[in-house]
Protein backbone atom coordinates (compact mmCIF):
# COMPACT_ATOMS: atom_id res chain seq x y z
CA MET A 1 267.84 139.78 36.41
CA GLY A 2 271.56 139.20 36.20
CA TYR A 3 272.99 142.56 37.26
CA THR A 4 272.29 142.36 40.99
CA GLU A 5 270.68 140.17 43.61
CA SER A 6 268.36 142.95 44.79
CA GLU A 7 264.79 142.02 43.81
CA ASP A 8 263.72 145.61 43.18
CA MET A 9 266.37 146.19 40.49
CA VAL A 10 264.98 145.51 37.02
CA ARG A 11 266.23 145.50 33.45
CA VAL A 12 264.85 148.14 31.10
CA ASP A 13 265.46 148.08 27.35
CA PHE A 14 265.20 151.31 25.38
CA PHE A 15 264.32 151.42 21.69
CA LYS A 16 264.51 154.23 19.17
CA PRO A 17 261.19 155.29 17.55
CA SER A 18 262.25 153.24 14.50
CA GLY A 19 262.15 150.10 16.68
CA LYS A 20 265.92 149.65 16.74
CA TRP A 21 267.31 148.62 20.13
CA TYR A 22 269.36 151.42 21.73
CA THR A 23 270.52 150.32 25.20
CA THR A 24 269.79 148.21 28.26
CA GLU A 25 269.90 149.81 31.71
CA GLU A 26 269.14 148.71 35.24
CA MET A 27 266.62 150.59 37.32
CA LYS A 28 265.28 150.45 40.86
CA TRP A 29 261.54 149.67 40.75
CA VAL A 30 259.39 151.65 43.19
CA ASP A 31 255.87 150.95 44.47
CA TYR A 32 255.77 147.14 44.41
CA ASP A 33 252.10 147.02 45.41
CA ARG A 34 250.72 150.07 43.60
CA ASP A 35 247.46 149.32 41.75
CA ASP A 36 248.59 150.78 38.42
CA ILE A 37 251.72 149.01 37.13
CA TYR A 38 252.18 151.64 34.40
CA ALA A 39 252.19 154.46 36.96
CA ALA A 40 254.78 152.54 39.01
CA PHE A 41 256.87 152.00 35.85
CA SER A 42 256.56 155.68 34.92
CA GLN A 43 257.54 156.82 38.41
CA SER A 44 260.55 154.48 38.44
CA LEU A 45 261.67 155.73 35.01
CA LEU A 46 261.38 159.38 36.05
CA LEU A 47 263.24 158.88 39.31
CA THR A 48 266.04 156.89 37.67
CA PHE A 49 266.52 158.56 34.28
CA GLY A 50 264.79 161.94 34.55
CA ASN A 51 264.55 163.48 31.08
CA TYR A 52 267.10 161.11 29.55
CA PHE A 53 265.69 158.62 26.98
CA THR A 54 262.45 160.62 26.72
CA ASP A 55 262.29 160.21 22.95
CA MET A 56 262.46 156.41 23.19
CA ASP A 57 260.26 153.42 24.02
CA ALA A 58 260.94 151.74 27.39
CA VAL A 59 260.31 148.03 27.93
CA CYS A 60 260.55 146.03 31.15
CA LEU A 61 259.98 142.30 30.76
CA GLU A 62 260.18 141.39 34.46
CA PRO A 63 258.90 144.28 36.60
CA TYR A 64 259.10 144.07 40.39
CA HIS A 65 255.37 144.39 40.98
CA VAL A 66 252.68 142.41 42.77
CA ASN A 67 250.85 141.96 39.42
CA ALA A 68 253.97 141.61 37.28
CA HIS A 69 253.72 141.29 33.51
CA PRO A 70 255.83 142.82 30.72
CA VAL A 71 255.21 146.56 30.32
CA GLN A 72 256.04 149.08 27.63
CA ILE A 73 255.66 152.84 27.50
CA LYS A 74 256.14 154.34 24.08
CA ASN A 75 257.96 157.49 23.01
CA GLY A 76 258.90 158.76 26.46
CA GLY A 77 255.26 158.69 27.58
CA TRP A 78 256.26 158.30 31.23
CA GLU A 79 256.81 162.08 31.38
CA ASN A 80 253.12 162.66 30.72
CA TYR A 81 251.91 159.72 32.79
CA VAL A 82 253.22 160.94 36.16
CA SER A 83 254.19 164.50 37.02
CA TRP A 84 257.12 165.46 39.25
CA ASP A 85 254.88 167.35 41.70
CA LYS A 86 253.23 164.07 42.70
CA PHE A 87 256.48 162.79 44.26
CA ASP A 88 257.52 163.35 47.85
CA ASP A 89 261.17 163.60 48.96
CA ARG A 90 261.55 159.81 49.24
CA GLY A 91 260.18 158.99 45.81
CA GLY A 92 256.72 158.11 47.09
CA VAL A 93 253.55 159.50 45.62
CA ASN A 94 251.56 162.34 47.19
CA ASP A 95 247.91 161.51 46.74
CA ASP A 96 246.53 164.79 48.10
């Protein structure tokens, strides 16, 4: 990725709703082997950025995932994709 040698750190680009690039940030990817790559992306975004950037599109070209492919979530949609009450204290997902 360029920022670090840790494999679970990924680059995320944020774009304004107009499509104009806003910023690039690094983020720790969680749930490498989770079935749903979008849920893993959403969870990683929530844990790293919280409510920041929620009005923007998030793009990760090289996710740290067993079935890696570029992913995008539009207009802060990660807030609706995964709710905070599904997380345990370590950032894992409670499936009960």
